[in-house]
Amino acid sequence: MKITFSKVGRSPGNFRHRMEDLEIEGTLLRTGAHEVSMESEISGEIRLICDRCGSEFTEKLRLPLDLTLTDQARKVTEDLDTIEFLDGMIDISRLMEGEIASYRSAYHYCPKCREDEREVDIEY
């Protein structure tokens, strides 16, 4: 799903996009000549691999995503929650894919391994 950067207005515009078992829903609002505020949430079910036992499992996801979008290059020292779309198109699919990949790269334990972790008592 792509949205033309120049068509985002000064009043909030809603969007919704579905990918696999996940959905992103939110609003876009122009906050400057080359800046758009995005308030959204990715939700649904995500398949993950347990970092302890290697089994695949499904987890419910609710990931708030508040970003600043721009159509100009920015210095790295500026806000790290800024995404550049230099071709003039806001690519919601690409943004969503990146956020999902980032979430998957963190450590995740399946329900069984989470339960096993609680049963371990360490005495000093």
PDB file of N, CA and C in Angstrom:
ATOM      1  N   MET A   1       0.845  -1.164   0.000  1.00  0.00           N
ATOM      2  CA  MET A   1       0.000   0.000   0.000  1.00  0.00           C
ATOM      3  C   MET A   1       0.897   1.236   0.000  1.00  0.00           C
ATOM      4  N   LYS A   2       0.687   2.095  -0.981  1.00  0.00           N
ATOM      5  CA  LYS A   2       1.461   3.330  -1.066  1.00  0.00           C
ATOM      6  C   LYS A   2       0.519   4.526  -1.037  1.00  0.00           C
ATOM      7  N   ILE A   3       0.969   5.563  -0.344  1.00  0.00           N
ATOM      8  CA  ILE A   3       0.201   6.805  -0.244  1.00  0.00           C
ATOM      9  C   ILE A   3       1.115   7.932  -0.716  1.00  0.00           C
ATOM     10  N   THR A   4       0.623   8.752  -1.610  1.00  0.00           N
ATOM     11  CA  THR A   4       1.417   9.870  -2.110  1.00  0.00           C
ATOM     12  C   THR A   4       1.647  10.864  -0.984  1.00  0.00           C
ATOM     13  N   PHE A   5       2.917  11.182  -0.732  1.00  0.00           N
ATOM     14  CA  PHE A   5       3.292  12.049   0.379  1.00  0.00           C
ATOM     15  C   PHE A   5       2.591  13.400   0.287  1.00  0.00           C
ATOM     16  N   SER A   6       2.536  13.969  -0.885  1.00  0.00           N
ATOM     17  CA  SER A   6       1.966  15.310  -1.064  1.00  0.00           C
ATOM     18  C   SER A   6       0.453  15.352  -0.858  1.00  0.00           C
ATOM     19  N   LYS A   7      -0.203  14.203  -0.852  1.00  0.00           N
ATOM     20  CA  LYS A   7      -1.657  14.171  -0.687  1.00  0.00           C
ATOM     21  C   LYS A   7      -2.107  14.056   0.766  1.00  0.00           C
ATOM     22  N   VAL A   8      -1.166  13.913   1.685  1.00  0.00           N
ATOM     23  CA  VAL A   8      -1.511  13.854   3.110  1.00  0.00           C
ATOM     24  C   VAL A   8      -1.861  15.265   3.560  1.00  0.00           C
ATOM     25  N   GLY A   9      -3.021  15.412   4.195  1.00  0.00           N
ATOM     26  CA  GLY A   9      -3.521  16.729   4.565  1.00  0.00           C
ATOM     27  C   GLY A   9      -3.229  17.138   5.996  1.00  0.00           C
ATOM     28  N   ARG A  10      -3.689  18.338   6.335  1.00  0.00           N
ATOM     29  CA  ARG A  10      -3.493  18.890   7.683  1.00  0.00           C
ATOM     30  C   ARG A  10      -4.568  18.442   8.667  1.00  0.00           C
ATOM     31  N   SER A  11      -5.502  17.624   8.219  1.00  0.00           N
ATOM     32  CA  SER A  11      -6.445  16.977   9.127  1.00  0.00           C
ATOM     33  C   SER A  11      -6.172  15.475   9.040  1.00  0.00           C
ATOM     34  N   PRO A  12      -6.322  14.747  10.159  1.00  0.00           N
ATOM     35  CA  PRO A  12      -5.949  13.327  10.185  1.00  0.00           C
ATOM     36  C   PRO A  12      -6.686  12.498   9.132  1.00  0.00           C
ATOM     37  N   GLY A  13      -5.928  11.701   8.415  1.00  0.00           N
ATOM     38  CA  GLY A  13      -6.496  10.768   7.442  1.00  0.00           C
ATOM     39  C   GLY A  13      -6.237   9.348   7.904  1.00  0.00           C
ATOM     40  N   ASN A  14      -7.274   8.535   7.921  1.00  0.00           N
ATOM     41  CA  ASN A  14      -7.161   7.156   8.402  1.00  0.00           C
ATOM     42  C   ASN A  14      -6.640   6.230   7.309  1.00  0.00           C
ATOM     43  N   PHE A  15      -5.934   5.200   7.731  1.00  0.00           N
ATOM     44  CA  PHE A  15      -5.499   4.154   6.806  1.00  0.00           C
ATOM     45  C   PHE A  15      -5.532   2.814   7.528  1.00  0.00           C
ATOM     46  N   ARG A  16      -5.615   1.768   6.729  1.00  0.00           N
ATOM     47  CA  ARG A  16      -5.610   0.394   7.251  1.00  0.00           C
ATOM     48  C   ARG A  16      -5.009  -0.492   6.166  1.00  0.00           C
ATOM     49  N   HIS A  17      -4.123  -1.381   6.575  1.00  0.00           N
ATOM     50  CA  HIS A  17      -3.483  -2.295   5.629  1.00  0.00           C
ATOM     51  C   HIS A  17      -3.271  -3.635   6.309  1.00  0.00           C
ATOM     52  N   ARG A  18      -3.565  -4.706   5.593  1.00  0.00           N
ATOM     53  CA  ARG A  18      -3.444  -6.057   6.140  1.00  0.00           C
ATOM     54  C   ARG A  18      -2.327  -6.795   5.411  1.00  0.00           C
ATOM     55  N   MET A  19      -1.535  -7.548   6.202  1.00  0.00           N
ATOM     56  CA  MET A  19      -0.460  -8.365   5.649  1.00  0.00           C
ATOM     57  C   MET A  19      -0.402  -9.644   6.467  1.00  0.00           C
ATOM     58  N   GLU A  20      -0.600 -10.776   5.832  1.00  0.00           N
ATOM     59  CA  GLU A  20      -0.670 -12.073   6.507  1.00  0.00           C
ATOM     60  C   GLU A  20      -1.743 -12.007   7.585  1.00  0.00           C
ATOM     61  N   ASP A  21      -1.400 -12.337   8.822  1.00  0.00           N
ATOM     62  CA  ASP A  21      -2.374 -12.295   9.916  1.00  0.00           C
ATOM     63  C   ASP A  21      -2.240 -11.030  10.749  1.00  0.00           C
ATOM     64  N   LEU A  22      -1.575 -10.017  10.183  1.00  0.00           N
ATOM     65  CA  LEU A  22      -1.348  -8.766  10.893  1.00  0.00           C
ATOM     66  C   LEU A  22      -1.986  -7.604  10.142  1.00  0.00           C
ATOM     67  N   GLU A  23      -2.336  -6.579  10.898  1.00  0.00           N
ATOM     68  CA  GLU A  23      -2.959  -5.391  10.312  1.00  0.00           C
ATOM     69  C   GLU A  23      -2.342  -4.151  10.949  1.00  0.00           C
ATOM     70  N   ILE A  24      -2.116  -3.140  10.130  1.00  0.00           N
ATOM     71  CA  ILE A  24      -1.695  -1.844  10.652  1.00  0.00           C
ATOM     72  C   ILE A  24      -2.852  -0.886  10.420  1.00  0.00           C
ATOM     73  N   GLU A  25      -3.168  -0.123  11.446  1.00  0.00           N
ATOM     74  CA  GLU A  25      -4.257   0.841  11.363  1.00  0.00           C
ATOM     75  C   GLU A  25      -3.809   2.108  12.067  1.00  0.00           C
ATOM     76  N   GLY A  26      -4.126   3.256  11.468  1.00  0.00           N
ATOM     77  CA  GLY A  26      -3.719   4.493  12.105  1.00  0.00           C
ATOM     78  C   GLY A  26      -4.124   5.720  11.311  1.00  0.00           C
ATOM     79  N   THR A  27      -3.450   6.830  11.628  1.00  0.00           N
ATOM     80  CA  THR A  27      -3.735   8.095  10.961  1.00  0.00           C
ATOM     81  C   THR A  27      -2.431   8.737  10.486  1.00  0.00           C
ATOM     82  N   LEU A  28      -2.572   9.511   9.413  1.00  0.00           N
ATOM     83  CA  LEU A  28      -1.484  10.321   8.893  1.00  0.00           C
ATOM     84  C   LEU A  28      -1.923  11.767   8.952  1.00  0.00           C
ATOM     85  N   LEU A  29      -1.005  12.642   9.373  1.00  0.00           N
ATOM     86  CA  LEU A  29      -1.320  14.056   9.531  1.00  0.00           C
ATOM     87  C   LEU A  29      -0.094  14.875   9.138  1.00  0.00           C
ATOM     88  N   ARG A  30      -0.284  15.806   8.202  1.00  0.00           N
ATOM     89  CA  ARG A  30       0.825  16.670   7.797  1.00  0.00           C
ATOM     90  C   ARG A  30       1.137  17.633   8.931  1.00  0.00           C
ATOM     91  N   THR A  31       2.420  17.683   9.316  1.00  0.00           N
ATOM     92  CA  THR A  31       2.850  18.572  10.400  1.00  0.00           C
ATOM     93  C   THR A  31       3.848  19.618   9.901  1.00  0.00           C
ATOM     94  N   GLY A  32       4.249  19.526   8.650  1.00  0.00           N
ATOM     95  CA  GLY A  32       5.176  20.484   8.059  1.00  0.00           C
ATOM     96  C   GLY A  32       5.237  20.269   6.559  1.00  0.00           C
ATOM     97  N   ALA A  33       5.955  21.144   5.867  1.00  0.00           N
ATOM     98  CA  ALA A  33       6.041  21.049   4.412  1.00  0.00           C
ATOM     99  C   ALA A  33       6.591  19.702   3.956  1.00  0.00           C
ATOM    100  N   HIS A  34       7.519  19.135   4.717  1.00  0.00           N
ATOM    101  CA  HIS A  34       8.137  17.865   4.336  1.00  0.00           C
ATOM    102  C   HIS A  34       8.038  16.842   5.461  1.00  0.00           C
ATOM    103  N   GLU A  35       7.005  16.965   6.291  1.00  0.00           N
ATOM    104  CA  GLU A  35       6.888  16.105   7.465  1.00  0.00           C
ATOM    105  C   GLU A  35       5.444  15.663   7.693  1.00  0.00           C
ATOM    106  N   VAL A  36       5.288  14.376   7.989  1.00  0.00           N
ATOM    107  CA  VAL A  36       3.978  13.787   8.281  1.00  0.00           C
ATOM    108  C   VAL A  36       4.102  12.992   9.577  1.00  0.00           C
ATOM    109  N   SER A  37       3.115  13.136  10.449  1.00  0.00           N
ATOM    110  CA  SER A  37       3.060  12.366  11.689  1.00  0.00           C
ATOM    111  C   SER A  37       2.195  11.127  11.453  1.00  0.00           C
ATOM    112  N   MET A  38       2.698   9.991  11.884  1.00  0.00           N
ATOM    113  CA  MET A  38       1.951   8.738  11.752  1.00  0.00           C
ATOM    114  C   MET A  38       1.752   8.148  13.135  1.00  0.00           C
ATOM    115  N   GLU A  39       0.497   8.001  13.532  1.00  0.00           N
ATOM    116  CA  GLU A  39       0.158   7.315  14.777  1.00  0.00           C
ATOM    117  C   GLU A  39      -0.603   6.065  14.380  1.00  0.00           C
ATOM    118  N   SER A  40      -0.078   4.901  14.778  1.00  0.00           N
ATOM    119  CA  SER A  40      -0.688   3.656  14.323  1.00  0.00           C
ATOM    120  C   SER A  40      -0.393   2.523  15.296  1.00  0.00           C
ATOM    121  N   GLU A  41      -0.958   1.380  14.965  1.00  0.00           N
ATOM    122  CA  GLU A  41      -0.724   0.163  15.749  1.00  0.00           C
ATOM    123  C   GLU A  41      -0.760  -1.027  14.808  1.00  0.00           C
ATOM    124  N   ILE A  42       0.216  -1.907  14.974  1.00  0.00           N
ATOM    125  CA  ILE A  42       0.217  -3.185  14.263  1.00  0.00           C
ATOM    126  C   ILE A  42      -0.359  -4.211  15.230  1.00  0.00           C
ATOM    127  N   SER A  43      -1.352  -4.954  14.789  1.00  0.00           N
ATOM    128  CA  SER A  43      -1.978  -5.941  15.668  1.00  0.00           C
ATOM    129  C   SER A  43      -2.333  -7.194  14.881  1.00  0.00           C
ATOM    130  N   GLY A  44      -2.545  -8.264  15.621  1.00  0.00           N
ATOM    131  CA  GLY A  44      -2.918  -9.540  15.021  1.00  0.00           C
ATOM    132  C   GLY A  44      -2.100 -10.656  15.623  1.00  0.00           C
ATOM    133  N   GLU A  45      -1.938 -11.732  14.854  1.00  0.00           N
ATOM    134  CA  GLU A  45      -1.160 -12.877  15.318  1.00  0.00           C
ATOM    135  C   GLU A  45       0.097 -12.997  14.480  1.00  0.00           C
ATOM    136  N   ILE A  46       1.212 -13.246  15.163  1.00  0.00           N
ATOM    137  CA  ILE A  46       2.503 -13.356  14.493  1.00  0.00           C
ATOM    138  C   ILE A  46       3.131 -14.709  14.819  1.00  0.00           C
ATOM    139  N   ARG A  47       3.711 -15.324  13.811  1.00  0.00           N
ATOM    140  CA  ARG A  47       4.427 -16.589  14.007  1.00  0.00           C
ATOM    141  C   ARG A  47       5.874 -16.267  14.363  1.00  0.00           C
ATOM    142  N   LEU A  48       6.343 -16.914  15.426  1.00  0.00           N
ATOM    143  CA  LEU A  48       7.691 -16.695  15.923  1.00  0.00           C
ATOM    144  C   LEU A  48       8.392 -18.028  16.137  1.00  0.00           C
ATOM    145  N   ILE A  49       9.708 -17.977  16.261  1.00  0.00           N
ATOM    146  CA  ILE A  49      10.515 -19.150  16.583  1.00  0.00           C
ATOM    147  C   ILE A  49      11.058 -18.958  17.994  1.00  0.00           C
ATOM    148  N   CYS A  50      10.869 -19.956  18.836  1.00  0.00           N
ATOM    149  CA  CYS A  50      11.360 -19.889  20.210  1.00  0.00           C
ATOM    150  C   CYS A  50      12.889 -19.894  20.208  1.00  0.00           C
ATOM    151  N   ASP A  51      13.486 -18.940  20.908  1.00  0.00           N
ATOM    152  CA  ASP A  51      14.937 -18.840  20.963  1.00  0.00           C
ATOM    153  C   ASP A  51      15.567 -19.867  21.897  1.00  0.00           C
ATOM    154  N   ARG A  52      14.759 -20.563  22.651  1.00  0.00           N
ATOM    155  CA  ARG A  52      15.300 -21.583  23.549  1.00  0.00           C
ATOM    156  C   ARG A  52      15.197 -22.977  22.922  1.00  0.00           C
ATOM    157  N   CYS A  53      13.997 -23.381  22.481  1.00  0.00           N
ATOM    158  CA  CYS A  53      13.825 -24.755  21.989  1.00  0.00           C
ATOM    159  C   CYS A  53      13.708 -24.860  20.465  1.00  0.00           C
ATOM    160  N   GLY A  54      13.542 -23.736  19.777  1.00  0.00           N
ATOM    161  CA  GLY A  54      13.481 -23.746  18.318  1.00  0.00           C
ATOM    162  C   GLY A  54      12.118 -24.070  17.727  1.00  0.00           C
ATOM    163  N   SER A  55      11.112 -24.244  18.565  1.00  0.00           N
ATOM    164  CA  SER A  55       9.786 -24.561  18.031  1.00  0.00           C
ATOM    165  C   SER A  55       9.083 -23.289  17.547  1.00  0.00           C
ATOM    166  N   GLU A  56       8.193 -23.472  16.581  1.00  0.00           N
ATOM    167  CA  GLU A  56       7.420 -22.346  16.073  1.00  0.00           C
ATOM    168  C   GLU A  56       6.156 -22.195  16.919  1.00  0.00           C
ATOM    169  N   PHE A  57       5.773 -20.953  17.198  1.00  0.00           N
ATOM    170  CA  PHE A  57       4.556 -20.699  17.962  1.00  0.00           C
ATOM    171  C   PHE A  57       3.942 -19.390  17.484  1.00  0.00           C
ATOM    172  N   THR A  58       2.690 -19.199  17.853  1.00  0.00           N
ATOM    173  CA  THR A  58       1.960 -17.997  17.472  1.00  0.00           C
ATOM    174  C   THR A  58       1.708 -17.158  18.713  1.00  0.00           C
ATOM    175  N   GLU A  59       1.844 -15.844  18.547  1.00  0.00           N
ATOM    176  CA  GLU A  59       1.648 -14.924  19.654  1.00  0.00           C
ATOM    177  C   GLU A  59       0.783 -13.755  19.188  1.00  0.00           C
ATOM    178  N   LYS A  60      -0.070 -13.261  20.064  1.00  0.00           N
ATOM    179  CA  LYS A  60      -0.853 -12.066  19.747  1.00  0.00           C
ATOM    180  C   LYS A  60       0.068 -10.854  19.856  1.00  0.00           C
ATOM    181  N   LEU A  61      -0.090  -9.938  18.901  1.00  0.00           N
ATOM    182  CA  LEU A  61       0.777  -8.765  18.847  1.00  0.00           C
ATOM    183  C   LEU A  61      -0.056  -7.496  18.866  1.00  0.00           C
ATOM    184  N   ARG A  62       0.354  -6.544  19.664  1.00  0.00           N
ATOM    185  CA  ARG A  62      -0.194  -5.179  19.687  1.00  0.00           C
ATOM    186  C   ARG A  62       1.017  -4.268  19.808  1.00  0.00           C
ATOM    187  N   LEU A  63       1.426  -3.702  18.694  1.00  0.00           N
ATOM    188  CA  LEU A  63       2.653  -2.924  18.639  1.00  0.00           C
ATOM    189  C   LEU A  63       2.340  -1.482  18.241  1.00  0.00           C
ATOM    190  N   PRO A  64       2.327  -0.541  19.211  1.00  0.00           N
ATOM    191  CA  PRO A  64       2.100   0.863  18.873  1.00  0.00           C
ATOM    192  C   PRO A  64       3.261   1.379  18.025  1.00  0.00           C
ATOM    193  N   LEU A  65       2.940   2.213  17.064  1.00  0.00           N
ATOM    194  CA  LEU A  65       3.949   2.713  16.135  1.00  0.00           C
ATOM    195  C   LEU A  65       3.665   4.183  15.847  1.00  0.00           C
ATOM    196  N   ASP A  66       4.416   5.063  16.490  1.00  0.00           N
ATOM    197  CA  ASP A  66       4.275   6.503  16.289  1.00  0.00           C
ATOM    198  C   ASP A  66       5.562   7.012  15.663  1.00  0.00           C
ATOM    199  N   LEU A  67       5.473   7.473  14.420  1.00  0.00           N
ATOM    200  CA  LEU A  67       6.650   7.856  13.658  1.00  0.00           C
ATOM    201  C   LEU A  67       6.476   9.219  13.010  1.00  0.00           C
ATOM    202  N   THR A  68       7.595   9.810  12.650  1.00  0.00           N
ATOM    203  CA  THR A  68       7.610  10.989  11.801  1.00  0.00           C
ATOM    204  C   THR A  68       8.101  10.529  10.438  1.00  0.00           C
ATOM    205  N   LEU A  69       7.366  10.861   9.399  1.00  0.00           N
ATOM    206  CA  LEU A  69       7.726  10.495   8.028  1.00  0.00           C
ATOM    207  C   LEU A  69       8.150  11.760   7.297  1.00  0.00           C
ATOM    208  N   THR A  70       9.160  11.648   6.456  1.00  0.00           N
ATOM    209  CA  THR A  70       9.636  12.806   5.716  1.00  0.00           C
ATOM    210  C   THR A  70       9.972  12.414   4.282  1.00  0.00           C
ATOM    211  N   ASP A  71       9.935  13.404   3.393  1.00  0.00           N
ATOM    212  CA  ASP A  71      10.326  13.154   2.012  1.00  0.00           C
ATOM    213  C   ASP A  71      11.666  13.824   1.694  1.00  0.00           C
ATOM    214  N   GLN A  72      12.425  14.144   2.739  1.00  0.00           N
ATOM    215  CA  GLN A  72      13.758  14.714   2.587  1.00  0.00           C
ATOM    216  C   GLN A  72      14.749  13.928   3.450  1.00  0.00           C
ATOM    217  N   ALA A  73      16.019  13.950   3.032  1.00  0.00           N
ATOM    218  CA  ALA A  73      17.065  13.295   3.824  1.00  0.00           C
ATOM    219  C   ALA A  73      17.285  14.074   5.115  1.00  0.00           C
ATOM    220  N   ARG A  74      17.515  13.349   6.191  1.00  0.00           N
ATOM    221  CA  ARG A  74      17.757  13.960   7.508  1.00  0.00           C
ATOM    222  C   ARG A  74      19.106  13.513   8.029  1.00  0.00           C
ATOM    223  N   LYS A  75      19.685  14.310   8.907  1.00  0.00           N
ATOM    224  CA  LYS A  75      20.927  13.933   9.562  1.00  0.00           C
ATOM    225  C   LYS A  75      20.646  12.802  10.549  1.00  0.00           C
ATOM    226  N   VAL A  76      21.606  11.927  10.721  1.00  0.00           N
ATOM    227  CA  VAL A  76      21.457  10.785  11.616  1.00  0.00           C
ATOM    228  C   VAL A  76      21.280  11.230  13.066  1.00  0.00           C
ATOM    229  N   THR A  77      21.790  12.387  13.436  1.00  0.00           N
ATOM    230  CA  THR A  77      21.705  12.847  14.819  1.00  0.00           C
ATOM    231  C   THR A  77      20.301  13.273  15.210  1.00  0.00           C
ATOM    232  N   GLU A  78      19.414  13.422  14.228  1.00  0.00           N
ATOM    233  CA  GLU A  78      18.056  13.848  14.527  1.00  0.00           C
ATOM    234  C   GLU A  78      17.228  12.672  15.041  1.00  0.00           C
ATOM    235  N   ASP A  79      15.950  12.894  15.230  1.00  0.00           N
ATOM    236  CA  ASP A  79      15.002  11.912  15.770  1.00  0.00           C
ATOM    237  C   ASP A  79      15.147  10.548  15.092  1.00  0.00           C
ATOM    238  N   LEU A  80      15.382   9.491  15.884  1.00  0.00           N
ATOM    239  CA  LEU A  80      15.547   8.151  15.326  1.00  0.00           C
ATOM    240  C   LEU A  80      14.221   7.504  14.950  1.00  0.00           C
ATOM    241  N   ASP A  81      13.108   8.101  15.332  1.00  0.00           N
ATOM    242  CA  ASP A  81      11.796   7.586  14.945  1.00  0.00           C
ATOM    243  C   ASP A  81      11.309   8.278  13.674  1.00  0.00           C
ATOM    244  N   THR A  82      12.223   8.679  12.823  1.00  0.00           N
ATOM    245  CA  THR A  82      11.893   9.310  11.556  1.00  0.00           C
ATOM    246  C   THR A  82      12.240   8.361  10.420  1.00  0.00           C
ATOM    247  N   ILE A  83      11.300   8.186   9.508  1.00  0.00           N
ATOM    248  CA  ILE A  83      11.493   7.334   8.338  1.00  0.00           C
ATOM    249  C   ILE A  83      11.466   8.225   7.107  1.00  0.00           C
ATOM    250  N   GLU A  84      12.455   8.062   6.236  1.00  0.00           N
ATOM    251  CA  GLU A  84      12.543   8.849   5.013  1.00  0.00           C
ATOM    252  C   GLU A  84      11.923   8.084   3.842  1.00  0.00           C
ATOM    253  N   PHE A  85      11.069   8.764   3.082  1.00  0.00           N
ATOM    254  CA  PHE A  85      10.494   8.238   1.847  1.00  0.00           C
ATOM    255  C   PHE A  85      10.870   9.223   0.745  1.00  0.00           C
ATOM    256  N   LEU A  86      12.055   9.049   0.186  1.00  0.00           N
ATOM    257  CA  LEU A  86      12.621  10.036  -0.725  1.00  0.00           C
ATOM    258  C   LEU A  86      12.002  10.020  -2.115  1.00  0.00           C
ATOM    259  N   ASP A  87      11.203   9.004  -2.428  1.00  0.00           N
ATOM    260  CA  ASP A  87      10.553   8.956  -3.747  1.00  0.00           C
ATOM    261  C   ASP A  87       9.174   9.621  -3.750  1.00  0.00           C
ATOM    262  N   GLY A  88       8.783  10.234  -2.621  1.00  0.00           N
ATOM    263  CA  GLY A  88       7.497  10.930  -2.554  1.00  0.00           C
ATOM    264  C   GLY A  88       6.306  10.031  -2.276  1.00  0.00           C
ATOM    265  N   MET A  89       6.567   8.754  -1.991  1.00  0.00           N
ATOM    266  CA  MET A  89       5.495   7.793  -1.709  1.00  0.00           C
ATOM    267  C   MET A  89       5.718   7.191  -0.323  1.00  0.00           C
ATOM    268  N   ILE A  90       4.682   7.196   0.502  1.00  0.00           N
ATOM    269  CA  ILE A  90       4.742   6.542   1.810  1.00  0.00           C
ATOM    270  C   ILE A  90       4.362   5.088   1.586  1.00  0.00           C
ATOM    271  N   ASP A  91       5.310   4.203   1.766  1.00  0.00           N
ATOM    272  CA  ASP A  91       5.097   2.777   1.503  1.00  0.00           C
ATOM    273  C   ASP A  91       4.772   2.076   2.820  1.00  0.00           C
ATOM    274  N   ILE A  92       3.474   1.944   3.102  1.00  0.00           N
ATOM    275  CA  ILE A  92       3.001   1.329   4.352  1.00  0.00           C
ATOM    276  C   ILE A  92       3.436  -0.142   4.418  1.00  0.00           C
ATOM    277  N   SER A  93       3.399  -0.846   3.306  1.00  0.00           N
ATOM    278  CA  SER A  93       3.802  -2.263   3.285  1.00  0.00           C
ATOM    279  C   SER A  93       5.257  -2.424   3.696  1.00  0.00           C
ATOM    280  N   ARG A  94       6.139  -1.619   3.125  1.00  0.00           N
ATOM    281  CA  ARG A  94       7.565  -1.699   3.438  1.00  0.00           C
ATOM    282  C   ARG A  94       7.818  -1.334   4.900  1.00  0.00           C
ATOM    283  N   LEU A  95       7.145  -0.312   5.371  1.00  0.00           N
ATOM    284  CA  LEU A  95       7.276   0.116   6.760  1.00  0.00           C
ATOM    285  C   LEU A  95       6.837  -1.007   7.696  1.00  0.00           C
ATOM    286  N   MET A  96       5.709  -1.626   7.385  1.00  0.00           N
ATOM    287  CA  MET A  96       5.175  -2.710   8.205  1.00  0.00           C
ATOM    288  C   MET A  96       6.130  -3.915   8.193  1.00  0.00           C
ATOM    289  N   GLU A  97       6.652  -4.259   7.021  1.00  0.00           N
ATOM    290  CA  GLU A  97       7.600  -5.372   6.920  1.00  0.00           C
ATOM    291  C   GLU A  97       8.828  -5.125   7.794  1.00  0.00           C
ATOM    292  N   GLY A  98       9.335  -3.894   7.787  1.00  0.00           N
ATOM    293  CA  GLY A  98      10.501  -3.554   8.597  1.00  0.00           C
ATOM    294  C   GLY A  98      10.229  -3.659  10.083  1.00  0.00           C
ATOM    295  N   GLU A  99       9.072  -3.179  10.519  1.00  0.00           N
ATOM    296  CA  GLU A  99       8.723  -3.242  11.941  1.00  0.00           C
ATOM    297  C   GLU A  99       8.510  -4.681  12.392  1.00  0.00           C
ATOM    298  N   ILE A 100       7.903  -5.508  11.539  1.00  0.00           N
ATOM    299  CA  ILE A 100       7.689  -6.919  11.873  1.00  0.00           C
ATOM    300  C   ILE A 100       9.035  -7.642  11.957  1.00  0.00           C
ATOM    301  N   ALA A 101       9.931  -7.370  11.018  1.00  0.00           N
ATOM    302  CA  ALA A 101      11.263  -7.987  11.035  1.00  0.00           C
ATOM    303  C   ALA A 101      12.024  -7.577  12.293  1.00  0.00           C
ATOM    304  N   SER A 102      11.907  -6.335  12.672  1.00  0.00           N
ATOM    305  CA  SER A 102      12.562  -5.853  13.884  1.00  0.00           C
ATOM    306  C   SER A 102      12.006  -6.557  15.122  1.00  0.00           C
ATOM    307  N   TYR A 103      10.694  -6.718  15.180  1.00  0.00           N
ATOM    308  CA  TYR A 103      10.065  -7.409  16.317  1.00  0.00           C
ATOM    309  C   TYR A 103      10.525  -8.862  16.372  1.00  0.00           C
ATOM    310  N   ARG A 104      10.578  -9.521  15.206  1.00  0.00           N
ATOM    311  CA  ARG A 104      10.992 -10.928  15.167  1.00  0.00           C
ATOM    312  C   ARG A 104      12.447 -11.106  15.576  1.00  0.00           C
ATOM    313  N   SER A 105      13.281 -10.089  15.387  1.00  0.00           N
ATOM    314  CA  SER A 105      14.702 -10.220  15.690  1.00  0.00           C
ATOM    315  C   SER A 105      14.996 -10.184  17.192  1.00  0.00           C
ATOM    316  N   ALA A 106      14.016  -9.800  17.992  1.00  0.00           N
ATOM    317  CA  ALA A 106      14.195  -9.803  19.457  1.00  0.00           C
ATOM    318  C   ALA A 106      14.092 -11.249  19.959  1.00  0.00           C
ATOM    319  N   TYR A 107      14.413 -11.470  21.235  1.00  0.00           N
ATOM    320  CA  TYR A 107      14.290 -12.802  21.822  1.00  0.00           C
ATOM    321  C   TYR A 107      12.834 -13.099  22.142  1.00  0.00           C
ATOM    322  N   HIS A 108      12.402 -14.320  21.786  1.00  0.00           N
ATOM    323  CA  HIS A 108      11.031 -14.760  22.057  1.00  0.00           C
ATOM    324  C   HIS A 108      11.066 -16.193  22.577  1.00  0.00           C
ATOM    325  N   TYR A 109      10.283 -16.457  23.620  1.00  0.00           N
ATOM    326  CA  TYR A 109      10.170 -17.803  24.161  1.00  0.00           C
ATOM    327  C   TYR A 109       8.749 -18.298  23.991  1.00  0.00           C
ATOM    328  N   CYS A 110       8.605 -19.568  23.608  1.00  0.00           N
ATOM    329  CA  CYS A 110       7.284 -20.177  23.466  1.00  0.00           C
ATOM    330  C   CYS A 110       6.651 -20.307  24.854  1.00  0.00           C
ATOM    331  N   PRO A 111       5.353 -20.544  24.920  1.00  0.00           N
ATOM    332  CA  PRO A 111       4.694 -20.654  26.234  1.00  0.00           C
ATOM    333  C   PRO A 111       5.314 -21.729  27.137  1.00  0.00           C
ATOM    334  N   LYS A 112       5.725 -22.871  26.572  1.00  0.00           N
ATOM    335  CA  LYS A 112       6.318 -23.936  27.392  1.00  0.00           C
ATOM    336  C   LYS A 112       7.636 -23.484  28.004  1.00  0.00           C
ATOM    337  N   CYS A 113       8.491 -22.827  27.215  1.00  0.00           N
ATOM    338  CA  CYS A 113       9.783 -22.371  27.741  1.00  0.00           C
ATOM    339  C   CYS A 113       9.606 -21.233  28.744  1.00  0.00           C
ATOM    340  N   ARG A 114       8.589 -20.397  28.542  1.00  0.00           N
ATOM    341  CA  ARG A 114       8.303 -19.344  29.523  1.00  0.00           C
ATOM    342  C   ARG A 114       7.889 -19.964  30.854  1.00  0.00           C
ATOM    343  N   GLU A 115       7.084 -21.036  30.788  1.00  0.00           N
ATOM    344  CA  GLU A 115       6.636 -21.734  31.992  1.00  0.00           C
ATOM    345  C   GLU A 115       7.816 -22.425  32.670  1.00  0.00           C
ATOM    346  N   ASP A 116       8.689 -23.079  31.879  1.00  0.00           N
ATOM    347  CA  ASP A 116       9.871 -23.738  32.439  1.00  0.00           C
ATOM    348  C   ASP A 116      10.772 -22.738  33.150  1.00  0.00           C
ATOM    349  N   GLU A 117      10.879 -21.535  32.615  1.00  0.00           N
ATOM    350  CA  GLU A 117      11.707 -20.485  33.222  1.00  0.00           C
ATOM    351  C   GLU A 117      11.213 -20.131  34.610  1.00  0.00           C
ATOM    352  N   ARG A 118       9.913 -20.114  34.803  1.00  0.00           N
ATOM    353  CA  ARG A 118       9.327 -19.757  36.114  1.00  0.00           C
ATOM    354  C   ARG A 118       9.558 -20.859  37.138  1.00  0.00           C
ATOM    355  N   GLU A 119       9.703 -22.118  36.687  1.00  0.00           N
ATOM    356  CA  GLU A 119       9.863 -23.237  37.604  1.00  0.00           C
ATOM    357  C   GLU A 119      11.271 -23.378  38.130  1.00  0.00           C
ATOM    358  N   VAL A 120      12.222 -22.691  37.546  1.00  0.00           N
ATOM    359  CA  VAL A 120      13.611 -22.798  37.961  1.00  0.00           C
ATOM    360  C   VAL A 120      13.848 -21.937  39.192  1.00  0.00           C
ATOM    361  N   ASP A 121      14.285 -22.565  40.280  1.00  0.00           N
ATOM    362  CA  ASP A 121      14.633 -21.835  41.508  1.00  0.00           C
ATOM    363  C   ASP A 121      16.144 -21.906  41.686  1.00  0.00           C
ATOM    364  N   ILE A 122      16.741 -20.753  41.821  1.00  0.00           N
ATOM    365  CA  ILE A 122      18.196 -20.712  42.013  1.00  0.00           C
ATOM    366  C   ILE A 122      18.466 -20.221  43.429  1.00  0.00           C
ATOM    367  N   GLU A 123      19.250 -20.993  44.155  1.00  0.00           N
ATOM    368  CA  GLU A 123      19.629 -20.600  45.503  1.00  0.00           C
ATOM    369  C   GLU A 123      21.088 -20.225  45.513  1.00  0.00           C
ATOM    370  N   TYR A 124      21.420 -19.222  46.271  1.00  0.00           N
ATOM    371  CA  TYR A 124      22.811 -18.775  46.391  1.00  0.00           C
ATOM    372  C   TYR A 124      23.355 -19.113  47.733  1.00  0.00           C
TER     373      TYR A 124
END
